[in-house]
Amino acid sequence: MKVTDEKILEALKNVNDPELGRSIVDLGMVDKIERDDGTVKITVKLTISGCPMKYKFDEDIKSALMSVDGIKKVEVGFSSMNQQERDALTKKMTGQVKSDIFDDARVNNIIAIASGKGGVGKSTVTVNLAYALKNEGYSVGIIDSDVYGFSIPRMMGVKALPTVIDETMIPVDKDGIKVISMGFFLEEDQAVLWRGPLLHKAVVQFLTQVYWDKLDFLLIDLPPGTGDVTLSISQTVKQAHLLVVTTPQPAASSVAQRVAELSKKANFNLIGVIENMSYFIAPDGSKQYIFGDGGGKFLADKMGTALLGQIPLEQAIREGGDLGKPITDSKGDHASKEFKNIADKLIGMLVKK
């Protein structure tokens, strides 16, 4: 059977750029097709020279083309786009005019995750909730906006850096979850000494200059409290839901109430409270309330919202965060089941049937 360019391109439509998530044919990345007696050579134009995903392109292209009748061997070569070609690619991704991603329907549900104080496990909840939603078949992204205490990259075991095409950032994809964090642009132990205007600029860039493509859920890990970053997000995002993370301690829940009040003063719709470190399950199966009892329910009742879940205190949660292997991705224990229950409740509340 004769191999034609049309058949080759049809097969290549199934090959996606691993970072952009769209077909290399649709993105205009197929630069050249050469055919010679059953051997096909494809030259792909990469967005940047030295692209770390070359091996993935090579693997996927060969896999797609070797399934075409008449092709016996596939060779893959690479070149780099010039500025004009990158501009054209950016327009294909974001439209003729760069628009706020929240002006179109690309992100279905934006959930800001807040806490009144640090140390309650807000980032841990964000990461594990993202995995729980992904495990239910939904596309998920995370913005780590905790500029002073970024920890999402470590918790997810992210080693790669985002790709930047002109002024557009391509988030890192880890286990099918798209991630952007200040931690990608600073050393882990580097202090951030920024005031309001610089913080606002960084947050706005994360919100408007990152190519998320289509997402069912975008989780925003907020810094503790109600500082500049949280206020910038509330002003930039036109409509977002708010989840508040607290612990059972009355002192923690009373502080968290100040954050929950944001829903009355900003563009946040309070949809629930998550109580973290609620109890420890002893070897005999009994629940030990190490940090007290009832803080999450008190806060939820006070704010007129739902207590969506109570996450037990488990060593595996801490170990998973340190090792970059979130507990929700391993399944099977009490905590991962509780994260799944919370994810199911959010899906029931927010996903249109």
Protein backbone atom coordinates (compact mmCIF):
# COMPACT_ATOMS: atom_id res chain seq x y z
CA MET A 1 0.00 0.00 0.00
CA LYS A 2 1.35 3.41 -0.99
CA VAL A 3 2.36 5.69 1.83
CA THR A 4 1.30 9.30 1.26
CA ASP A 5 1.94 12.52 3.15
CA GLU A 6 -1.78 12.67 3.90
CA LYS A 7 -1.69 9.27 5.64
CA ILE A 8 1.40 10.28 7.58
CA LEU A 9 -0.16 13.54 8.75
CA GLU A 10 -3.35 11.74 9.71
CA ALA A 11 -1.33 9.40 11.93
CA LEU A 12 0.65 12.30 13.40
CA LYS A 13 -2.56 14.04 14.48
CA ASN A 14 -2.59 11.53 17.33
CA VAL A 15 0.80 12.75 18.57
CA ASN A 16 0.52 15.56 21.10
CA ASP A 17 3.16 17.96 22.31
CA PRO A 18 3.71 16.57 25.84
CA GLU A 19 3.74 20.05 27.36
CA LEU A 20 1.09 21.81 25.28
CA GLY A 21 -1.27 18.86 25.09
CA ARG A 22 -2.25 19.50 21.47
CA SER A 23 -1.51 17.74 18.21
CA ILE A 24 1.86 18.54 16.63
CA VAL A 25 0.01 18.76 13.31
CA ASP A 26 -2.49 21.33 14.59
CA LEU A 27 0.35 23.32 16.16
CA GLY A 28 2.29 23.41 12.88
CA MET A 29 5.28 21.60 14.35
CA VAL A 30 5.71 19.10 11.50
CA ASP A 31 8.39 20.79 9.43
CA LYS A 32 9.29 18.18 6.83
CA ILE A 33 8.21 14.73 5.64
CA GLU A 34 10.60 12.57 3.60
CA ARG A 35 9.73 9.13 2.18
CA ASP A 36 12.03 6.53 0.64
CA ASP A 37 10.95 2.93 0.03
CA GLY A 38 9.22 2.26 3.35
CA THR A 39 11.43 4.60 5.35
CA VAL A 40 9.87 7.83 6.60
CA LYS A 41 11.82 10.70 8.13
CA ILE A 42 9.93 13.37 10.04
CA THR A 43 11.48 16.68 11.06
CA VAL A 44 9.75 18.38 13.97
CA LYS A 45 10.19 22.04 14.85
CA LEU A 46 10.53 22.41 18.60
CA THR A 47 9.54 25.57 20.46
CA ILE A 48 13.04 25.89 21.91
CA SER A 49 16.40 24.37 21.11
CA GLY A 50 17.50 21.71 23.53
CA CYS A 51 13.92 20.81 24.42
CA PRO A 52 14.04 18.19 27.22
CA MET A 53 11.04 16.35 25.73
CA LYS A 54 12.82 15.25 22.53
CA TYR A 55 12.83 11.63 23.60
CA LYS A 56 9.05 11.74 24.10
CA PHE A 57 8.47 13.20 20.62
CA ASP A 58 10.74 10.54 19.12
CA GLU A 59 8.96 7.72 20.94
CA ASP A 60 5.41 8.88 20.18
CA ILE A 61 6.06 9.68 16.52
CA LYS A 62 7.65 6.31 15.87
CA SER A 63 4.81 4.54 17.65
CA ALA A 64 2.17 6.39 15.62
CA LEU A 65 3.81 5.90 12.23
CA MET A 66 4.85 2.27 12.60
CA SER A 67 1.15 1.41 12.73
CA VAL A 68 0.68 2.77 9.18
CA ASP A 69 0.67 0.10 6.47
CA GLY A 70 3.73 0.34 4.25
CA ILE A 71 6.01 2.07 6.76
CA LYS A 72 8.92 -0.14 7.82
CA LYS A 73 11.24 2.36 9.47
CA VAL A 74 10.81 5.79 11.04
CA GLU A 75 13.50 8.39 11.66
CA VAL A 76 12.85 11.58 13.62
CA GLY A 77 14.86 14.78 13.31
CA PHE A 78 14.51 18.10 15.10
CA SER A 79 14.90 21.79 14.37
CA SER A 80 13.85 24.91 16.29
CA MET A 81 11.18 27.51 15.60
CA ASN A 82 12.17 31.05 14.80
CA GLN A 83 10.52 34.03 16.48
CA GLN A 84 7.82 34.38 13.84
CA GLU A 85 6.90 30.71 14.15
CA ARG A 86 6.76 30.95 17.94
CA ASP A 87 4.46 33.97 17.64
CA ALA A 88 2.17 31.96 15.36
CA LEU A 89 2.18 29.07 17.83
CA THR A 90 1.29 31.39 20.70
CA LYS A 91 -1.67 32.72 18.72
CA LYS A 92 -2.87 29.21 18.03
CA MET A 93 -2.74 28.40 21.72
CA THR A 94 -4.27 31.55 23.16
CA GLY A 95 -6.21 33.13 20.30
CA GLN A 96 -5.46 36.18 18.17
CA VAL A 97 -5.56 38.38 21.25
CA LYS A 98 -4.06 37.14 24.49
CA SER A 99 -7.03 36.89 26.80
CA ASP A 100 -7.49 36.35 30.48
CA ILE A 101 -7.97 32.61 30.84
CA PHE A 102 -10.91 33.30 33.10
CA ASP A 103 -12.77 35.25 30.40
CA ASP A 104 -13.39 32.15 28.32
CA ALA A 105 -14.58 28.74 29.42
CA ARG A 106 -11.19 27.08 29.50
CA VAL A 107 -11.20 26.55 33.25
CA ASN A 108 -14.50 25.21 34.51
CA ASN A 109 -13.97 25.43 38.27
CA ILE A 110 -11.48 27.59 40.14
CA ILE A 111 -11.04 26.65 43.79
CA ALA A 112 -8.89 28.79 46.10
CA ILE A 113 -7.68 26.84 49.13
CA ALA A 114 -7.01 29.00 52.18
CA SER A 115 -6.11 28.82 55.85
CA GLY A 116 -6.06 31.34 58.66
CA LYS A 117 -2.57 30.36 59.79
CA GLY A 118 0.39 28.33 58.60
CA GLY A 119 1.05 24.76 59.62
CA VAL A 120 -2.47 23.38 59.23
CA GLY A 121 -1.61 21.36 56.11
CA LYS A 122 -3.20 23.54 53.45
CA SER A 123 -0.67 22.63 50.75
CA THR A 124 -0.91 18.95 51.67
CA VAL A 125 -4.67 19.16 51.24
CA THR A 126 -4.27 20.97 47.91
CA VAL A 127 -1.95 18.34 46.44
CA ASN A 128 -3.89 15.31 47.62
CA LEU A 129 -7.20 16.82 46.58
CA ALA A 130 -5.75 17.44 43.11
CA TYR A 131 -4.76 13.78 42.82
CA ALA A 132 -8.15 12.67 44.12
CA LEU A 133 -9.91 14.74 41.44
CA LYS A 134 -7.53 13.46 38.77
CA ASN A 135 -8.18 9.89 39.84
CA GLU A 136 -11.88 10.51 39.19
CA GLY A 137 -11.05 11.34 35.57
CA TYR A 138 -10.95 15.15 35.69
CA SER A 139 -8.27 17.47 34.31
CA VAL A 140 -6.60 19.41 37.12
CA GLY A 141 -4.11 22.25 37.51
CA ILE A 142 -2.45 23.79 40.57
CA ILE A 143 -1.19 27.33 41.13
CA ASP A 144 1.17 27.46 44.11
CA SER A 145 0.67 31.10 45.04
CA ASP A 146 2.21 30.76 48.49
CA VAL A 147 5.08 33.01 47.45
CA TYR A 148 6.85 32.98 50.81
CA GLY A 149 6.33 29.30 51.62
CA PHE A 150 6.06 27.45 48.31
CA SER A 151 6.11 23.69 48.80
CA ILE A 152 4.00 22.17 46.02
CA PRO A 153 6.96 21.20 43.75
CA ARG A 154 8.59 19.22 46.55
CA MET A 155 5.34 17.58 47.64
CA MET A 156 4.68 16.41 44.08
CA GLY A 157 8.27 15.46 43.32
CA VAL A 158 8.47 17.93 40.44
CA LYS A 159 11.99 18.29 39.04
CA ALA A 160 11.24 19.83 35.64
CA LEU A 161 10.84 23.54 34.95
CA PRO A 162 8.06 25.22 32.96
CA THR A 163 8.68 26.07 29.32
CA VAL A 164 8.40 29.74 28.39
CA ILE A 165 7.37 30.68 24.85
CA ASP A 166 7.75 34.43 24.57
CA GLU A 167 5.55 35.71 27.41
CA THR A 168 3.51 32.53 27.81
CA MET A 169 4.45 29.91 30.41
CA ILE A 170 3.63 26.25 29.85
CA PRO A 171 2.97 24.62 33.23
CA VAL A 172 4.86 21.51 34.25
CA ASP A 173 2.85 18.31 33.85
CA LYS A 174 3.34 15.85 36.73
CA ASP A 175 1.27 12.68 36.73
CA GLY A 176 -1.29 14.40 34.50
CA ILE A 177 -1.62 17.43 36.81
CA LYS A 178 -0.44 20.82 35.52
CA VAL A 179 1.58 22.85 38.02
CA ILE A 180 3.01 26.35 38.26
CA SER A 181 4.85 27.63 41.34
CA MET A 182 7.13 30.40 42.47
CA GLY A 183 9.39 27.53 43.50
CA PHE A 184 10.23 26.97 39.83
CA PHE A 185 11.89 30.38 39.63
CA LEU A 186 13.74 30.56 42.95
CA GLU A 187 16.18 28.39 44.85
CA GLU A 188 14.41 26.31 47.51
CA ASP A 189 16.19 28.09 50.37
CA GLN A 190 16.06 31.57 48.80
CA ALA A 191 14.17 34.19 50.80
CA VAL A 192 11.47 36.25 49.03
CA LEU A 193 11.55 39.88 50.14
CA TRP A 194 8.78 41.35 47.99
CA ARG A 195 6.20 44.00 48.71
CA GLY A 196 2.66 44.31 47.41
CA PRO A 197 3.28 45.54 43.83
CA LEU A 198 5.82 42.81 43.02
CA LEU A 199 3.64 40.14 44.60
CA HIS A 200 0.65 41.36 42.63
CA LYS A 201 2.62 41.25 39.38
CA ALA A 202 3.79 37.67 40.02
CA VAL A 203 0.29 36.48 40.87
CA VAL A 204 -1.26 38.16 37.83
CA GLN A 205 1.33 36.48 35.59
CA PHE A 206 0.44 33.07 37.03
CA LEU A 207 -3.23 33.79 36.37
CA THR A 208 -3.05 35.36 32.92
CA GLN A 209 0.21 34.29 31.26
CA VAL A 210 0.11 30.54 31.81
CA TYR A 211 -1.32 28.27 29.12
CA TRP A 212 -3.57 25.88 31.02
CA ASP A 213 -5.55 24.70 27.99
CA LYS A 214 -8.79 23.03 29.12
CA LEU A 215 -9.14 22.29 32.83
CA ASP A 216 -12.01 20.92 34.87
CA PHE A 217 -10.47 22.16 38.12
CA LEU A 218 -7.80 24.75 38.88
CA LEU A 219 -6.73 24.68 42.54
CA ILE A 220 -5.01 27.78 43.90
CA ASP A 221 -2.92 27.17 47.01
CA LEU A 222 -3.15 30.51 48.82
CA PRO A 223 -0.68 31.82 51.40
CA PRO A 224 -1.94 31.71 54.99
CA GLY A 225 -4.10 34.62 56.08
CA THR A 226 -5.49 37.51 54.06
CA GLY A 227 -2.39 39.28 52.74
CA ASP A 228 -1.47 40.88 49.42
CA VAL A 229 -1.41 37.67 47.36
CA THR A 230 -4.87 36.55 48.46
CA LEU A 231 -6.32 39.99 47.80
CA SER A 232 -4.67 40.14 44.35
CA ILE A 233 -6.21 36.81 43.41
CA SER A 234 -9.64 37.87 44.63
CA GLN A 235 -9.39 41.00 42.48
CA THR A 236 -8.07 39.22 39.38
CA VAL A 237 -10.26 36.12 39.33
CA LYS A 238 -13.81 37.06 38.53
CA GLN A 239 -15.41 34.05 40.14
CA ALA A 240 -13.77 31.45 42.32
CA HIS A 241 -14.83 29.06 45.01
CA LEU A 242 -13.17 29.08 48.42
CA LEU A 243 -12.23 26.10 50.59
CA VAL A 244 -10.91 26.78 54.08
CA VAL A 245 -8.53 24.34 55.76
CA THR A 246 -8.35 24.26 59.55
CA THR A 247 -7.47 21.88 62.38
CA PRO A 248 -9.70 20.71 65.25
CA GLN A 249 -8.18 23.28 67.63
CA PRO A 250 -10.61 26.09 68.53
CA ALA A 251 -7.76 28.61 68.27
CA ALA A 252 -7.02 27.56 64.68
CA SER A 253 -10.67 27.59 63.63
CA SER A 254 -11.24 31.06 65.08
CA VAL A 255 -8.30 32.40 63.05
CA ALA A 256 -9.58 30.60 59.94
CA GLN A 257 -12.88 32.41 60.33
CA ARG A 258 -11.18 35.64 59.23
CA VAL A 259 -10.22 33.99 55.93
CA ALA A 260 -13.72 32.59 55.48
CA GLU A 261 -15.05 36.13 55.77
CA LEU A 262 -13.31 36.80 52.43
CA SER A 263 -16.28 35.22 50.71
CA LYS A 264 -18.40 38.16 51.85
CA LYS A 265 -15.96 40.85 50.77
CA ALA A 266 -14.26 39.45 47.65
CA ASN A 267 -14.95 37.38 44.54
CA PHE A 268 -14.99 34.10 46.44
CA ASN A 269 -17.87 31.70 46.93
CA LEU A 270 -17.32 29.78 50.17
CA ILE A 271 -18.16 26.13 49.48
CA GLY A 272 -16.82 24.32 52.50
CA VAL A 273 -14.38 23.61 55.29
CA ILE A 274 -11.85 20.78 55.45
CA GLU A 275 -10.56 19.77 58.86
CA ASN A 276 -7.02 18.39 58.73
CA MET A 277 -5.22 16.33 61.39
CA SER A 278 -8.63 15.55 62.87
CA TYR A 279 -7.70 12.40 64.76
CA PHE A 280 -5.17 9.60 65.03
CA ILE A 281 -6.30 6.01 64.55
CA ALA A 282 -4.71 3.92 67.30
CA PRO A 283 -3.61 0.30 66.74
CA ASP A 284 -6.82 -0.89 68.40
CA GLY A 285 -8.88 1.09 65.86
CA SER A 286 -10.00 3.82 68.27
CA LYS A 287 -9.81 7.49 67.31
CA GLN A 288 -7.52 9.67 69.42
CA TYR A 289 -8.29 13.39 69.13
CA ILE A 290 -4.77 14.67 69.73
CA PHE A 291 -5.48 18.29 68.71
CA GLY A 292 -8.95 18.51 70.18
CA ASP A 293 -12.30 17.98 68.54
CA GLY A 294 -14.89 20.03 66.73
CA GLY A 295 -12.96 22.98 65.31
CA GLY A 296 -13.91 22.24 61.71
CA LYS A 297 -17.61 21.80 62.45
CA PHE A 298 -17.62 24.95 64.59
CA LEU A 299 -16.15 26.97 61.73
CA ALA A 300 -18.48 25.46 59.11
CA ASP A 301 -21.55 26.13 61.26
CA LYS A 302 -20.38 29.65 62.04
CA MET A 303 -19.96 30.45 58.33
CA GLY A 304 -23.10 28.63 57.19
CA THR A 305 -21.24 26.17 55.00
CA ALA A 306 -20.48 22.44 54.91
CA LEU A 307 -17.77 20.47 56.68
CA LEU A 308 -16.63 18.49 53.64
CA GLY A 309 -14.27 16.12 55.37
CA GLN A 310 -12.00 15.31 58.29
CA ILE A 311 -8.51 14.12 57.36
CA PRO A 312 -6.89 11.80 59.92
CA LEU A 313 -3.36 12.31 61.19
CA GLU A 314 -1.23 9.69 59.42
CA GLN A 315 2.53 9.32 59.13
CA ALA A 316 2.14 8.26 55.51
CA ILE A 317 0.80 11.72 54.61
CA ARG A 318 3.97 13.38 55.90
CA GLU A 319 6.20 10.79 54.26
CA GLY A 320 4.38 11.16 50.95
CA GLY A 321 4.89 14.93 51.01
CA ASP A 322 8.60 14.61 51.79
CA LEU A 323 9.15 11.99 49.09
CA GLY A 324 7.05 13.70 46.42
CA LYS A 325 4.57 10.82 46.36
CA PRO A 326 1.15 12.10 47.50
CA ILE A 327 -0.79 9.63 49.59
CA THR A 328 -3.93 9.96 47.45
CA ASP A 329 -2.02 8.50 44.52
CA SER A 330 -1.22 5.36 46.50
CA LYS A 331 -4.79 4.67 47.67
CA GLY A 332 -5.96 2.24 50.30
CA ASP A 333 -5.63 4.04 53.65
CA HIS A 334 -8.07 6.13 55.70
CA ALA A 335 -6.68 9.50 54.56
CA SER A 336 -6.76 8.73 50.84
CA LYS A 337 -10.34 7.47 51.17
CA GLU A 338 -11.31 10.70 52.93
CA PHE A 339 -9.71 12.79 50.16
CA LYS A 340 -11.69 10.76 47.63
CA ASN A 341 -14.89 11.44 49.57
CA ILE A 342 -14.15 15.18 49.57
CA ALA A 343 -13.39 15.11 45.83
CA ASP A 344 -16.67 13.30 45.18
CA LYS A 345 -18.56 15.96 47.14
CA LEU A 346 -16.91 18.76 45.15
CA ILE A 347 -17.69 17.01 41.89
CA GLY A 348 -21.32 16.65 42.95
CA MET A 349 -21.48 20.34 43.86
CA LEU A 350 -19.63 21.87 40.92
CA VAL A 351 -19.68 19.62 37.87
CA LYS A 352 -22.64 20.12 35.59
CA LYS A 353 -24.36 16.89 34.68
